[in-house]
């Protein structure tokens, strides 16, 4: 029997780089889903639903595969923060986060499209931001341009300079893919990590 392909249901360069660390061959594909939160949906529920939807969106295209879906939602108080997409939105996000703690929920789904078996987990990372000045925010955004990152901060890059402290389940999850959980899921599917 032909071994199952591994498909990353994402075009995120951050998730691709993280998955490559496991030294397994894989393909990437865009799941093309609406990532808008639903009314009265909590941040963990949003990230979980979207990670499942991303994996399921590719299941008919890749019928004998292990499909990885992942989604991240940042929560500040009661407000879900998505990708800012523009400089102005990123400024507003970072200004609202200064001196505060933001919870990043990163959901992971591994779908075996041959058997329909699905595993899903949500990793939490708590990030407290420094009391940033407008000048610090502007300098950061000009240098890093994190407009496709939930919460406008890339902890794996210069964004670490914005952070006072962080705790959580997996530092990789904060970047976009919970590798610790993924390794557990792969083991259940008899995938050996080199």
N, C-alpha and C. Protein backbone atom coordinates (compact mmCIF):
# COMPACT_ATOMS: atom_id res chain seq x y z
N UNK A 1 0.84 -1.18 0.00
CA UNK A 1 0.00 0.00 0.00
C UNK A 1 0.88 1.25 0.00
N UNK A 2 0.51 2.20 -0.83
CA UNK A 2 1.28 3.44 -0.95
C UNK A 2 1.17 4.24 0.35
N UNK A 3 2.30 4.76 0.87
CA UNK A 3 2.24 5.56 2.09
C UNK A 3 1.42 6.83 1.86
N UNK A 4 0.79 7.27 2.93
CA UNK A 4 -0.03 8.46 2.83
C UNK A 4 0.83 9.71 2.69
N UNK A 5 0.37 10.61 1.83
CA UNK A 5 1.03 11.91 1.70
C UNK A 5 0.65 12.77 2.89
N UNK A 6 1.53 13.70 3.23
CA UNK A 6 1.23 14.68 4.26
C UNK A 6 0.96 16.00 3.55
N UNK A 7 -0.18 16.59 3.85
CA UNK A 7 -0.60 17.83 3.21
C UNK A 7 -0.80 18.89 4.28
N UNK A 8 -0.14 20.02 4.10
CA UNK A 8 -0.35 21.16 4.98
C UNK A 8 -1.38 22.06 4.33
N UNK A 9 -2.55 22.16 4.96
CA UNK A 9 -3.65 22.96 4.40
C UNK A 9 -3.43 24.42 4.75
N UNK A 10 -2.39 24.99 4.14
CA UNK A 10 -2.01 26.36 4.45
C UNK A 10 -0.99 26.84 3.42
N UNK A 11 -1.02 28.11 3.15
CA UNK A 11 0.02 28.71 2.32
C UNK A 11 0.92 29.60 3.18
N UNK A 12 0.76 29.53 4.50
CA UNK A 12 1.56 30.33 5.42
C UNK A 12 3.03 29.91 5.36
N UNK A 13 3.93 30.85 5.09
CA UNK A 13 5.35 30.49 5.09
C UNK A 13 5.84 30.09 6.49
N UNK A 14 5.18 30.61 7.54
CA UNK A 14 5.58 30.30 8.92
C UNK A 14 5.23 28.85 9.24
N UNK A 15 4.03 28.42 8.88
CA UNK A 15 3.63 27.04 9.13
C UNK A 15 4.47 26.07 8.29
N UNK A 16 4.76 26.46 7.07
CA UNK A 16 5.59 25.61 6.20
C UNK A 16 6.97 25.42 6.81
N UNK A 17 7.56 26.49 7.31
CA UNK A 17 8.90 26.41 7.92
C UNK A 17 8.87 25.54 9.17
N UNK A 18 7.81 25.68 9.97
CA UNK A 18 7.70 24.87 11.19
C UNK A 18 7.56 23.39 10.86
N UNK A 19 6.68 23.05 9.92
CA UNK A 19 6.49 21.65 9.55
C UNK A 19 7.77 21.06 8.96
N UNK A 20 8.52 21.85 8.23
CA UNK A 20 9.77 21.37 7.63
C UNK A 20 10.77 20.94 8.70
N UNK A 21 10.66 21.47 9.90
CA UNK A 21 11.57 21.08 10.99
C UNK A 21 11.47 19.59 11.32
N UNK A 22 10.31 18.99 11.03
CA UNK A 22 10.12 17.57 11.35
C UNK A 22 10.76 16.65 10.30
N UNK A 23 11.28 17.23 9.24
CA UNK A 23 12.01 16.49 8.21
C UNK A 23 11.19 15.37 7.57
N UNK A 24 9.92 15.66 7.35
CA UNK A 24 9.03 14.74 6.64
C UNK A 24 8.65 15.39 5.31
N UNK A 25 8.53 14.60 4.24
CA UNK A 25 8.08 15.19 2.98
C UNK A 25 6.61 15.60 3.09
N UNK A 26 6.29 16.77 2.55
CA UNK A 26 4.90 17.22 2.58
C UNK A 26 4.65 18.19 1.43
N UNK A 27 3.38 18.37 1.14
CA UNK A 27 2.93 19.35 0.15
C UNK A 27 2.10 20.41 0.86
N UNK A 28 2.00 21.57 0.26
CA UNK A 28 1.12 22.60 0.80
C UNK A 28 0.02 22.88 -0.22
N UNK A 29 -1.15 23.25 0.28
CA UNK A 29 -2.28 23.59 -0.58
C UNK A 29 -3.16 24.59 0.16
N UNK A 30 -3.73 25.50 -0.59
CA UNK A 30 -4.61 26.51 0.00
C UNK A 30 -6.00 25.92 0.22
N UNK A 31 -6.52 25.99 1.46
CA UNK A 31 -7.84 25.43 1.72
C UNK A 31 -8.98 26.32 1.24
N UNK A 32 -8.74 27.61 1.05
CA UNK A 32 -9.73 28.54 0.52
C UNK A 32 -11.07 28.48 1.27
N UNK A 33 -11.03 28.90 2.54
CA UNK A 33 -12.25 28.95 3.35
C UNK A 33 -12.44 30.36 3.91
N UNK A 34 -13.66 30.66 4.32
CA UNK A 34 -13.95 31.94 4.97
C UNK A 34 -13.50 31.84 6.42
N UNK A 35 -12.60 32.73 6.83
CA UNK A 35 -12.04 32.67 8.18
C UNK A 35 -12.74 33.60 9.16
N UNK A 36 -13.89 34.11 8.82
CA UNK A 36 -14.61 35.02 9.71
C UNK A 36 -15.15 34.27 10.92
N UNK A 37 -15.03 34.89 12.11
CA UNK A 37 -15.64 34.25 13.29
C UNK A 37 -17.16 34.30 13.20
N UNK A 38 -17.81 33.33 13.81
CA UNK A 38 -19.26 33.31 13.86
C UNK A 38 -19.75 34.12 15.06
N UNK A 39 -20.97 34.56 15.00
CA UNK A 39 -21.55 35.32 16.11
C UNK A 39 -21.58 34.44 17.36
N UNK A 40 -21.19 35.01 18.49
CA UNK A 40 -21.16 34.33 19.79
C UNK A 40 -20.20 33.14 19.85
N UNK A 41 -19.25 33.09 18.96
CA UNK A 41 -18.27 32.01 18.95
C UNK A 41 -17.03 32.48 19.73
N UNK A 42 -16.57 31.67 20.66
CA UNK A 42 -15.39 32.04 21.44
C UNK A 42 -14.14 31.90 20.57
N UNK A 43 -13.04 32.52 21.01
CA UNK A 43 -11.79 32.44 20.26
C UNK A 43 -11.31 31.00 20.09
N UNK A 44 -11.32 30.17 21.17
CA UNK A 44 -10.91 28.77 20.97
C UNK A 44 -11.83 28.03 20.00
N UNK A 45 -13.14 28.32 20.06
CA UNK A 45 -14.08 27.68 19.15
C UNK A 45 -13.81 28.08 17.71
N UNK A 46 -13.50 29.37 17.49
CA UNK A 46 -13.20 29.85 16.14
C UNK A 46 -11.97 29.16 15.59
N UNK A 47 -10.90 29.13 16.37
CA UNK A 47 -9.66 28.52 15.87
C UNK A 47 -9.87 27.03 15.60
N UNK A 48 -10.59 26.36 16.48
CA UNK A 48 -10.86 24.92 16.31
C UNK A 48 -11.69 24.67 15.05
N UNK A 49 -12.78 25.41 14.90
CA UNK A 49 -13.66 25.23 13.74
C UNK A 49 -12.90 25.47 12.44
N UNK A 50 -12.07 26.52 12.42
CA UNK A 50 -11.35 26.84 11.19
C UNK A 50 -10.25 25.82 10.88
N UNK A 51 -9.60 25.29 11.91
CA UNK A 51 -8.57 24.27 11.64
C UNK A 51 -9.22 23.01 11.05
N UNK A 52 -10.38 22.65 11.55
CA UNK A 52 -11.11 21.49 11.02
C UNK A 52 -11.56 21.77 9.59
N UNK A 53 -12.12 22.96 9.36
CA UNK A 53 -12.61 23.32 8.03
C UNK A 53 -11.49 23.32 7.00
N UNK A 54 -10.31 23.80 7.40
CA UNK A 54 -9.17 23.82 6.48
C UNK A 54 -8.76 22.40 6.08
N UNK A 55 -8.70 21.50 7.05
CA UNK A 55 -8.34 20.11 6.74
C UNK A 55 -9.41 19.45 5.88
N UNK A 56 -10.67 19.64 6.24
CA UNK A 56 -11.75 19.01 5.49
C UNK A 56 -11.87 19.55 4.07
N UNK A 57 -11.51 20.82 3.87
CA UNK A 57 -11.63 21.43 2.54
C UNK A 57 -10.76 20.73 1.50
N UNK A 58 -9.71 20.05 1.95
CA UNK A 58 -8.79 19.39 1.01
C UNK A 58 -8.95 17.87 0.98
N UNK A 59 -9.90 17.34 1.75
CA UNK A 59 -9.98 15.88 1.88
C UNK A 59 -10.37 15.17 0.59
N UNK A 60 -11.18 15.79 -0.27
CA UNK A 60 -11.54 15.12 -1.53
C UNK A 60 -10.44 15.28 -2.57
N UNK A 61 -9.67 16.35 -2.47
CA UNK A 61 -8.56 16.57 -3.40
C UNK A 61 -7.40 15.62 -3.10
N UNK A 62 -7.23 15.31 -1.80
CA UNK A 62 -6.15 14.42 -1.34
C UNK A 62 -6.78 13.26 -0.56
N UNK A 63 -7.30 12.24 -1.28
CA UNK A 63 -8.08 11.19 -0.63
C UNK A 63 -7.31 10.17 0.21
N UNK A 64 -6.01 10.06 0.04
CA UNK A 64 -5.24 9.11 0.84
C UNK A 64 -4.10 9.86 1.52
N UNK A 65 -4.48 10.81 2.37
CA UNK A 65 -3.48 11.70 2.93
C UNK A 65 -3.75 12.01 4.39
N UNK A 66 -2.71 12.49 5.04
CA UNK A 66 -2.83 13.08 6.37
C UNK A 66 -2.80 14.58 6.15
N UNK A 67 -3.92 15.22 6.44
CA UNK A 67 -4.08 16.64 6.13
C UNK A 67 -4.03 17.44 7.43
N UNK A 68 -3.15 18.43 7.45
CA UNK A 68 -2.96 19.27 8.63
C UNK A 68 -3.66 20.61 8.42
N UNK A 69 -4.60 20.90 9.30
CA UNK A 69 -5.24 22.21 9.31
C UNK A 69 -4.85 22.92 10.59
N UNK A 70 -4.62 24.22 10.52
CA UNK A 70 -4.27 24.98 11.72
C UNK A 70 -4.80 26.39 11.58
N UNK A 71 -5.21 26.96 12.69
CA UNK A 71 -5.69 28.34 12.67
C UNK A 71 -5.39 28.98 14.01
N UNK A 72 -5.10 30.27 13.97
CA UNK A 72 -4.78 30.99 15.20
C UNK A 72 -5.69 32.20 15.37
N UNK A 73 -6.17 32.37 16.59
CA UNK A 73 -6.96 33.55 16.94
C UNK A 73 -6.35 34.14 18.20
N UNK A 74 -6.14 35.45 18.18
CA UNK A 74 -5.64 36.17 19.35
C UNK A 74 -6.83 36.80 20.06
N UNK A 75 -6.80 36.74 21.39
CA UNK A 75 -7.91 37.29 22.17
C UNK A 75 -7.38 38.32 23.16
N UNK A 76 -7.89 39.54 23.04
CA UNK A 76 -7.56 40.62 23.96
C UNK A 76 -8.84 40.99 24.67
N UNK A 77 -8.93 40.63 25.95
CA UNK A 77 -10.19 40.84 26.67
C UNK A 77 -11.27 39.99 26.03
N UNK A 78 -12.28 40.64 25.48
CA UNK A 78 -13.37 39.93 24.78
C UNK A 78 -13.26 40.08 23.27
N UNK A 79 -12.19 40.71 22.79
CA UNK A 79 -12.06 41.01 21.37
C UNK A 79 -11.12 40.04 20.67
N UNK A 80 -11.62 39.41 19.61
CA UNK A 80 -10.77 38.54 18.79
C UNK A 80 -9.99 39.41 17.82
N UNK A 81 -8.68 39.17 17.78
CA UNK A 81 -7.80 39.90 16.87
C UNK A 81 -7.36 38.95 15.76
N UNK A 82 -7.64 39.33 14.55
CA UNK A 82 -7.21 38.52 13.42
C UNK A 82 -5.97 39.12 12.79
N UNK A 83 -5.77 38.81 11.54
CA UNK A 83 -4.65 39.38 10.78
C UNK A 83 -5.00 40.83 10.46
N UNK A 84 -4.07 41.76 10.67
CA UNK A 84 -4.40 43.16 10.43
C UNK A 84 -4.49 43.53 8.95
N UNK A 85 -3.73 42.90 8.10
CA UNK A 85 -3.67 43.12 6.66
C UNK A 85 -3.11 44.48 6.24
N UNK A 86 -3.28 45.53 7.06
CA UNK A 86 -2.77 46.85 6.69
C UNK A 86 -1.94 47.43 7.84
N UNK A 87 -1.12 48.40 7.49
CA UNK A 87 -0.29 49.07 8.49
C UNK A 87 -1.16 49.75 9.55
N UNK A 88 -2.19 50.44 9.11
CA UNK A 88 -3.07 51.18 10.02
C UNK A 88 -3.75 50.25 11.02
N UNK A 89 -4.24 49.10 10.54
CA UNK A 89 -4.87 48.13 11.44
C UNK A 89 -3.86 47.56 12.43
N UNK A 90 -2.64 47.32 11.95
CA UNK A 90 -1.60 46.78 12.84
C UNK A 90 -1.24 47.79 13.92
N UNK A 91 -1.17 49.06 13.58
CA UNK A 91 -0.91 50.11 14.59
C UNK A 91 -2.00 50.07 15.65
N UNK A 92 -3.26 50.01 15.23
CA UNK A 92 -4.37 49.98 16.18
C UNK A 92 -4.31 48.74 17.08
N UNK A 93 -4.00 47.58 16.47
CA UNK A 93 -3.91 46.36 17.26
C UNK A 93 -2.83 46.48 18.32
N UNK A 94 -1.64 46.88 17.92
CA UNK A 94 -0.53 46.96 18.86
C UNK A 94 -0.76 48.03 19.93
N UNK A 95 -1.37 49.13 19.57
CA UNK A 95 -1.70 50.15 20.57
C UNK A 95 -2.67 49.60 21.60
N UNK A 96 -3.64 48.83 21.15
CA UNK A 96 -4.63 48.27 22.08
C UNK A 96 -4.03 47.19 22.98
N UNK A 97 -2.91 46.58 22.56
CA UNK A 97 -2.30 45.47 23.29
C UNK A 97 -1.21 45.92 24.26
N UNK A 98 -0.77 47.15 24.18
CA UNK A 98 0.37 47.57 24.99
C UNK A 98 0.06 47.48 26.48
N UNK A 99 0.99 46.82 27.20
CA UNK A 99 0.84 46.62 28.63
C UNK A 99 -0.20 45.59 29.02
N UNK A 100 -0.74 44.86 28.05
CA UNK A 100 -1.81 43.90 28.32
C UNK A 100 -1.40 42.48 27.93
N UNK A 101 -2.18 41.52 28.42
CA UNK A 101 -1.94 40.13 28.08
C UNK A 101 -2.93 39.69 27.01
N UNK A 102 -2.41 39.05 25.99
CA UNK A 102 -3.21 38.53 24.88
C UNK A 102 -3.06 37.01 24.89
N UNK A 103 -4.17 36.32 24.73
CA UNK A 103 -4.13 34.85 24.65
C UNK A 103 -4.20 34.47 23.18
N UNK A 104 -3.22 33.69 22.74
CA UNK A 104 -3.21 33.19 21.37
C UNK A 104 -3.67 31.74 21.40
N UNK A 105 -4.79 31.47 20.72
CA UNK A 105 -5.33 30.11 20.60
C UNK A 105 -4.94 29.59 19.22
N UNK A 106 -4.16 28.52 19.20
CA UNK A 106 -3.74 27.93 17.93
C UNK A 106 -4.28 26.51 17.87
N UNK A 107 -5.26 26.32 17.00
CA UNK A 107 -5.87 25.00 16.86
C UNK A 107 -5.14 24.20 15.79
N UNK A 108 -5.11 22.90 16.00
CA UNK A 108 -4.46 21.97 15.08
C UNK A 108 -5.40 20.80 14.84
N UNK A 109 -5.56 20.45 13.57
CA UNK A 109 -6.34 19.28 13.19
C UNK A 109 -5.50 18.41 12.28
N UNK A 110 -5.49 17.11 12.55
CA UNK A 110 -4.88 16.14 11.65
C UNK A 110 -5.99 15.21 11.18
N UNK A 111 -6.28 15.26 9.89
CA UNK A 111 -7.35 14.46 9.29
C UNK A 111 -6.74 13.40 8.40
N UNK A 112 -7.08 12.14 8.67
CA UNK A 112 -6.72 11.04 7.80
C UNK A 112 -7.85 10.92 6.77
N UNK A 113 -7.61 11.40 5.57
CA UNK A 113 -8.69 11.45 4.58
C UNK A 113 -9.08 10.06 4.07
N UNK A 114 -8.23 9.06 4.27
CA UNK A 114 -8.56 7.69 3.87
C UNK A 114 -9.55 7.05 4.83
N UNK A 115 -9.40 7.35 6.14
CA UNK A 115 -10.26 6.72 7.15
C UNK A 115 -11.27 7.69 7.77
N UNK A 116 -11.12 8.97 7.49
CA UNK A 116 -11.89 10.08 8.09
C UNK A 116 -11.60 10.28 9.58
N UNK A 117 -10.61 9.57 10.12
CA UNK A 117 -10.23 9.79 11.52
C UNK A 117 -9.64 11.19 11.65
N UNK A 118 -10.09 11.90 12.70
CA UNK A 118 -9.65 13.27 12.89
C UNK A 118 -9.26 13.51 14.34
N UNK A 119 -8.12 14.19 14.52
CA UNK A 119 -7.66 14.59 15.84
C UNK A 119 -7.56 16.12 15.85
N UNK A 120 -8.03 16.72 16.93
CA UNK A 120 -7.99 18.18 17.04
C UNK A 120 -7.59 18.59 18.46
N UNK A 121 -6.71 19.57 18.56
CA UNK A 121 -6.32 20.15 19.84
C UNK A 121 -6.18 21.66 19.66
N UNK A 122 -6.30 22.38 20.78
CA UNK A 122 -6.08 23.82 20.78
C UNK A 122 -4.99 24.14 21.80
N UNK A 123 -3.92 24.75 21.33
CA UNK A 123 -2.83 25.18 22.21
C UNK A 123 -3.06 26.63 22.62
N UNK A 124 -2.72 26.94 23.87
CA UNK A 124 -2.85 28.31 24.38
C UNK A 124 -1.47 28.87 24.72
N UNK A 125 -1.27 30.11 24.32
CA UNK A 125 -0.07 30.85 24.70
C UNK A 125 -0.50 32.22 25.21
N UNK A 126 -0.04 32.58 26.39
CA UNK A 126 -0.36 33.85 27.03
C UNK A 126 0.83 34.77 26.84
N UNK A 127 0.60 35.91 26.19
CA UNK A 127 1.67 36.85 25.87
C UNK A 127 1.34 38.21 26.47
N UNK A 128 2.24 38.69 27.33
CA UNK A 128 2.07 40.03 27.89
C UNK A 128 3.01 40.96 27.14
N UNK A 129 2.43 42.03 26.61
CA UNK A 129 3.19 42.98 25.82
C UNK A 129 3.74 44.10 26.70
N UNK A 130 4.89 44.61 26.31
CA UNK A 130 5.45 45.77 27.01
C UNK A 130 4.54 46.97 26.78
N UNK A 131 4.69 48.00 27.59
CA UNK A 131 3.93 49.23 27.42
C UNK A 131 4.60 50.03 26.30
N UNK A 132 4.26 49.70 25.09
CA UNK A 132 4.95 50.20 23.91
C UNK A 132 4.59 51.66 23.60
N UNK A 133 5.58 52.41 23.17
CA UNK A 133 5.31 53.77 22.71
C UNK A 133 4.86 53.71 21.25
N UNK A 134 4.24 54.77 20.80
CA UNK A 134 3.83 54.84 19.39
C UNK A 134 5.05 54.73 18.48
N UNK A 135 6.17 55.31 18.90
CA UNK A 135 7.38 55.26 18.09
C UNK A 135 7.91 53.83 17.99
N UNK A 136 7.88 53.08 19.09
CA UNK A 136 8.32 51.68 19.06
C UNK A 136 7.43 50.86 18.13
N UNK A 137 6.14 51.09 18.21
CA UNK A 137 5.19 50.37 17.34
C UNK A 137 5.49 50.67 15.88
N UNK A 138 5.68 51.95 15.56
CA UNK A 138 5.93 52.36 14.19
C UNK A 138 7.25 51.76 13.66
N UNK A 139 8.30 51.83 14.47
CA UNK A 139 9.59 51.27 14.05
C UNK A 139 9.48 49.76 13.80
N UNK A 140 8.78 49.08 14.71
CA UNK A 140 8.61 47.64 14.55
C UNK A 140 7.86 47.31 13.25
N UNK A 141 6.75 47.98 13.03
CA UNK A 141 5.93 47.66 11.86
C UNK A 141 6.66 47.96 10.55
N UNK A 142 7.44 49.02 10.52
CA UNK A 142 8.19 49.35 9.31
C UNK A 142 9.24 48.26 9.03
N UNK A 143 9.88 47.76 10.07
CA UNK A 143 10.93 46.75 9.88
C UNK A 143 10.37 45.34 9.62
N UNK A 144 9.32 44.94 10.35
CA UNK A 144 8.84 43.56 10.28
C UNK A 144 7.66 43.35 9.34
N UNK A 145 6.78 44.33 9.23
CA UNK A 145 5.58 44.24 8.39
C UNK A 145 4.80 42.95 8.63
N UNK A 146 4.32 42.73 9.86
CA UNK A 146 3.64 41.48 10.21
C UNK A 146 2.14 41.51 9.90
N UNK A 147 1.78 41.95 8.73
CA UNK A 147 0.38 42.20 8.40
C UNK A 147 -0.45 40.94 8.15
N UNK A 148 0.23 39.80 8.05
CA UNK A 148 -0.51 38.53 7.88
C UNK A 148 -0.40 37.65 9.13
N UNK A 149 -0.17 38.28 10.28
CA UNK A 149 -0.05 37.56 11.55
C UNK A 149 -1.13 38.02 12.52
N UNK A 150 -1.84 37.09 13.10
CA UNK A 150 -2.86 37.43 14.11
C UNK A 150 -2.19 38.21 15.24
N UNK A 151 -2.72 39.39 15.56
CA UNK A 151 -2.17 40.19 16.63
C UNK A 151 -0.99 41.05 16.24
N UNK A 152 -0.59 41.03 14.99
CA UNK A 152 0.44 41.94 14.45
C UNK A 152 1.84 41.78 15.04
N UNK A 153 2.13 40.65 15.65
CA UNK A 153 3.46 40.49 16.25
C UNK A 153 4.01 39.10 15.93
N UNK A 154 5.24 39.06 15.41
CA UNK A 154 5.89 37.79 15.09
C UNK A 154 6.95 37.51 16.15
N UNK A 155 6.62 36.61 17.06
CA UNK A 155 7.55 36.31 18.16
C UNK A 155 8.84 35.67 17.67
N UNK A 156 8.81 35.05 16.50
CA UNK A 156 10.00 34.41 15.97
C UNK A 156 10.95 35.41 15.32
N UNK A 157 10.53 36.65 15.22
CA UNK A 157 11.36 37.69 14.63
C UNK A 157 11.55 38.84 15.60
N UNK A 158 11.54 40.04 15.07
CA UNK A 158 11.74 41.24 15.86
C UNK A 158 10.59 41.47 16.84
N UNK A 159 9.45 40.83 16.61
CA UNK A 159 8.31 40.95 17.51
C UNK A 159 8.62 40.55 18.94
N UNK A 160 9.66 39.76 19.13
CA UNK A 160 10.05 39.36 20.49
C UNK A 160 10.40 40.59 21.32
N UNK A 161 10.82 41.66 20.67
CA UNK A 161 11.18 42.89 21.40
C UNK A 161 9.96 43.61 21.96
N UNK A 162 8.77 43.24 21.52
CA UNK A 162 7.54 43.85 22.01
C UNK A 162 7.00 43.16 23.25
N UNK A 163 7.55 42.00 23.55
CA UNK A 163 6.96 41.12 24.56
C UNK A 163 7.67 41.26 25.90
N UNK A 164 6.85 41.38 26.95
CA UNK A 164 7.36 41.42 28.32
C UNK A 164 7.57 40.00 28.84
N UNK A 165 6.57 39.13 28.60
CA UNK A 165 6.67 37.74 29.03
C UNK A 165 5.69 36.88 28.25
N UNK A 166 5.95 35.56 28.28
CA UNK A 166 5.01 34.64 27.65
C UNK A 166 5.10 33.27 28.30
N UNK A 167 3.95 32.63 28.36
CA UNK A 167 3.86 31.26 28.85
C UNK A 167 2.88 30.52 27.97
N UNK A 168 3.00 29.21 27.94
CA UNK A 168 2.03 28.48 27.14
C UNK A 168 2.40 27.05 26.87
N UNK A 169 1.57 26.43 26.04
CA UNK A 169 1.68 25.01 25.74
C UNK A 169 2.85 24.67 24.82
N UNK A 170 3.15 25.55 23.86
CA UNK A 170 4.15 25.23 22.85
C UNK A 170 4.57 26.53 22.17
N UNK A 171 5.85 26.92 22.25
CA UNK A 171 6.27 28.17 21.60
C UNK A 171 6.08 28.13 20.08
N UNK A 172 6.09 26.93 19.50
CA UNK A 172 5.84 26.80 18.06
C UNK A 172 4.42 27.17 17.71
N UNK A 173 3.49 26.91 18.63
CA UNK A 173 2.09 27.26 18.40
C UNK A 173 1.93 28.76 18.23
N UNK A 174 2.69 29.51 18.99
CA UNK A 174 2.62 30.97 18.90
C UNK A 174 3.03 31.44 17.50
N UNK A 175 3.95 30.72 16.88
CA UNK A 175 4.38 31.05 15.52
C UNK A 175 3.34 30.60 14.51
N UNK A 176 2.57 29.57 14.84
CA UNK A 176 1.49 29.17 13.93
C UNK A 176 1.18 27.70 13.80
N UNK A 177 2.02 26.81 14.38
CA UNK A 177 1.75 25.38 14.25
C UNK A 177 2.22 24.66 15.51
N UNK A 178 1.29 24.08 16.28
CA UNK A 178 1.67 23.38 17.51
C UNK A 178 2.38 22.05 17.21
N UNK A 179 3.68 22.09 17.13
CA UNK A 179 4.45 20.90 16.75
C UNK A 179 4.41 19.80 17.80
N UNK A 180 4.36 20.17 19.07
CA UNK A 180 4.33 19.14 20.12
C UNK A 180 3.06 18.30 19.97
N UNK A 181 1.93 18.96 19.77
CA UNK A 181 0.67 18.23 19.56
C UNK A 181 0.70 17.46 18.25
N UNK A 182 1.28 18.04 17.21
CA UNK A 182 1.33 17.38 15.90
C UNK A 182 2.14 16.08 15.98
N UNK A 183 3.22 16.08 16.70
CA UNK A 183 4.02 14.87 16.84
C UNK A 183 3.19 13.78 17.54
N UNK A 184 2.45 14.16 18.58
CA UNK A 184 1.55 13.18 19.24
C UNK A 184 0.55 12.61 18.24
N UNK A 185 -0.04 13.49 17.42
CA UNK A 185 -1.04 13.06 16.44
C UNK A 185 -0.42 12.15 15.38
N UNK A 186 0.76 12.51 14.90
CA UNK A 186 1.44 11.67 13.92
C UNK A 186 1.71 10.28 14.48
N UNK A 187 2.13 10.19 15.74
CA UNK A 187 2.40 8.88 16.35
C UNK A 187 1.15 8.00 16.32
N UNK A 188 -0.02 8.59 16.56
CA UNK A 188 -1.27 7.82 16.51
C UNK A 188 -1.58 7.34 15.10
N UNK A 189 -0.99 7.98 14.10
CA UNK A 189 -1.17 7.56 12.71
C UNK A 189 0.03 6.76 12.20
N UNK A 190 0.88 6.33 13.13
CA UNK A 190 2.06 5.51 12.82
C UNK A 190 3.05 6.21 11.91
N UNK A 191 3.14 7.53 12.04
CA UNK A 191 4.15 8.30 11.30
C UNK A 191 5.34 8.46 12.22
N UNK A 192 6.49 8.01 11.77
CA UNK A 192 7.70 8.11 12.56
C UNK A 192 8.43 9.39 12.23
N UNK A 193 8.75 10.14 13.26
CA UNK A 193 9.54 11.36 13.08
C UNK A 193 11.01 10.95 13.11
N UNK A 194 11.79 11.38 12.11
CA UNK A 194 13.21 10.97 12.08
C UNK A 194 13.95 11.38 13.34
